[in-house]
C-alpha atoms as a PDB file:
ATOM      1  CA  MET A   1       5.171  18.901 -14.821  1.00  0.00           C
ATOM      2  CA  ARG A   2       5.213  15.286 -14.660  1.00  0.00           C
ATOM      3  CA  ARG A   3       7.326  13.609 -13.867  1.00  0.00           C
ATOM      4  CA  GLU A   4       8.257   9.051 -14.857  1.00  0.00           C
ATOM      5  CA  VAL A   5       8.178   7.213 -12.145  1.00  0.00           C
ATOM      6  CA  THR A   6      11.932   5.124 -12.607  1.00  0.00           C
ATOM      7  CA  SER A   7      12.979   1.496 -12.361  1.00  0.00           C
ATOM      8  CA  PRO A   8      14.725   1.792  -9.537  1.00  0.00           C
ATOM      9  CA  GLU A   9      12.487   4.272  -7.887  1.00  0.00           C
ATOM     10  CA  MET A  10       9.844   1.634  -8.101  1.00  0.00           C
ATOM     11  CA  ALA A  11      12.065  -0.829  -6.855  1.00  0.00           C
ATOM     12  CA  ALA A  12      12.275   1.123  -4.017  1.00  0.00           C
ATOM     13  CA  ARG A  13       9.077   1.582  -3.591  1.00  0.00           C
ATOM     14  CA  ALA A  14       8.026  -2.232  -4.054  1.00  0.00           C
ATOM     15  CA  ASP A  15      11.005  -2.345  -0.897  1.00  0.00           C
ATOM     16  CA  ILE A  16       9.353  -0.047   1.855  1.00  0.00           C
ATOM     17  CA  SER A  17       5.969  -1.828   0.774  1.00  0.00           C
ATOM     18  CA  ALA A  18       6.984  -5.187   1.278  1.00  0.00           C
ATOM     19  CA  HIS A  19       8.580  -4.265   4.533  1.00  0.00           C
ATOM     20  CA  ARG A  20       5.560  -1.783   5.580  1.00  0.00           C
ATOM     21  CA  LEU A  21       2.320  -4.685   4.996  1.00  0.00           C
ATOM     22  CA  ALA A  22       5.890  -7.525   6.975  1.00  0.00           C
ATOM     23  CA  ARG A  23       5.211  -5.089  10.197  1.00  0.00           C
ATOM     24  CA  VAL A  24       1.786  -4.950   9.667  1.00  0.00           C
ATOM     25  CA  ARG A  25       1.365  -8.883   9.465  1.00  0.00           C
ATOM     26  CA  GLU A  26       3.930  -8.921  12.684  1.00  0.00           C
ATOM     27  CA  LEU A  27       1.409  -6.655  14.773  1.00  0.00           C
ATOM     28  CA  LEU A  28      -1.358  -9.230  13.244  1.00  0.00           C
ATOM     29  CA  VAL A  29       0.260 -11.762  14.715  1.00  0.00           C
ATOM     30  CA  ARG A  30       0.461 -10.122  18.109  1.00  0.00           C
ATOM     31  CA  LEU A  31      -2.323  -9.564  18.362  1.00  0.00           C
ATOM     32  CA  SER A  32      -4.307 -12.540  17.716  1.00  0.00           C
ATOM     33  CA  LEU A  33      -6.212 -10.812  14.634  1.00  0.00           C
ATOM     34  CA  ASP A  34      -7.225 -12.578  11.580  1.00  0.00           C
ATOM     35  CA  ALA A  35      -7.052  -9.913   8.825  1.00  0.00           C
ATOM     36  CA  LEU A  36      -7.205  -5.521   8.964  1.00  0.00           C
ATOM     37  CA  LEU A  37      -9.774  -3.362   6.845  1.00  0.00           C
ATOM     38  CA  ILE A  38      -8.174  -0.091   5.709  1.00  0.00           C
ATOM     39  CA  SER A  39     -10.302   1.780   3.807  1.00  0.00           C
ATOM     40  CA  ARG A  40      -8.389   5.455   3.746  1.00  0.00           C
ATOM     41  CA  GLY A  41      -6.878   6.403   0.692  1.00  0.00           C
ATOM     42  CA  ALA A  42      -3.722   7.287   2.740  1.00  0.00           C
ATOM     43  CA  LEU A  43      -3.042   4.083   4.403  1.00  0.00           C
ATOM     44  CA  LYS A  44      -4.120   2.430   1.150  1.00  0.00           C
ATOM     45  CA  ARG A  45      -1.382   4.425  -0.393  1.00  0.00           C
ATOM     46  CA  TRP A  46       1.273   3.802   1.986  1.00  0.00           C
ATOM     47  CA  LEU A  47       1.140   0.171   3.175  1.00  0.00           C
ATOM     48  CA  SER A  48       0.660  -0.775  -0.824  1.00  0.00           C
ATOM     49  CA  GLY A  49       2.902   2.062  -2.387  1.00  0.00           C
ATOM     50  CA  PHE A  50       0.548   2.983  -4.637  1.00  0.00           C
ATOM     51  CA  VAL A  51       0.931   5.847  -6.956  1.00  0.00           C
ATOM     52  CA  LEU A  52      -1.440   7.583  -9.387  1.00  0.00           C
ATOM     53  CA  LEU A  53      -0.478   7.889 -12.849  1.00  0.00           C
ATOM     54  CA  ARG A  54      -2.635  10.741 -13.372  1.00  0.00           C
ATOM     55  CA  PRO A  55      -2.123  13.404 -10.459  1.00  0.00           C
ATOM     56  CA  GLU A  56      -4.870  15.579 -12.200  1.00  0.00           C
ATOM     57  CA  ASP A  57      -6.905  13.374 -11.598  1.00  0.00           C
ATOM     58  CA  SER A  58      -7.891  13.478  -8.116  1.00  0.00           C
ATOM     59  CA  SER A  59     -10.107  10.459  -7.892  1.00  0.00           C
ATOM     60  CA  HIS A  60      -8.371   8.328  -9.782  1.00  0.00           C
ATOM     61  CA  GLY A  61      -7.221   5.043  -7.901  1.00  0.00           C
ATOM     62  CA  PHE A  62      -8.834   5.800  -4.890  1.00  0.00           C
ATOM     63  CA  ALA A  63     -11.831   3.548  -4.390  1.00  0.00           C
ATOM     64  CA  GLY A  64     -12.619   0.618  -2.253  1.00  0.00           C
ATOM     65  CA  THR A  65     -10.830  -1.030   0.770  1.00  0.00           C
ATOM     66  CA  MET A  66      -7.393  -2.864   1.323  1.00  0.00           C
ATOM     67  CA  LEU A  67      -7.664  -6.222   3.170  1.00  0.00           C
ATOM     68  CA  ILE A  68      -4.547  -7.502   4.428  1.00  0.00           C
ATOM     69  CA  THR A  69      -4.074 -10.836   6.664  1.00  0.00           C
ATOM     70  CA  HIS A  70      -1.614 -13.086   7.737  1.00  0.00           C
ATOM     71  CA  ASP A  71      -0.917 -14.663   4.132  1.00  0.00           C
ATOM     72  CA  ARG A  72       0.742 -12.987   0.978  1.00  0.00           C
ATOM     73  CA  GLN A  73      -2.007 -12.967  -1.839  1.00  0.00           C
END
C-alpha cells in the first residue's frame, strides 16, 4: 500500500534537510574544505530529504552524486 506524503510532512522534511545541510556547511568551513562530494544513495537521501515517488522501482532516483559547497545553489 502506497502512502501519500502530506504537505506538512514535506515541510518538516525540508526543515530537517536544511538543518543537516547547514551543519555540513559549518563542517566544511571548520575543516577548510571547498566542497563535499557524496555518491552513496543513503547519504544523499539523508542530507537532501529525497523521497522516492515510486518505491516499487528500487533503482529510480538513486543515480548521480551530490555536491555540497559553501553556497546554497
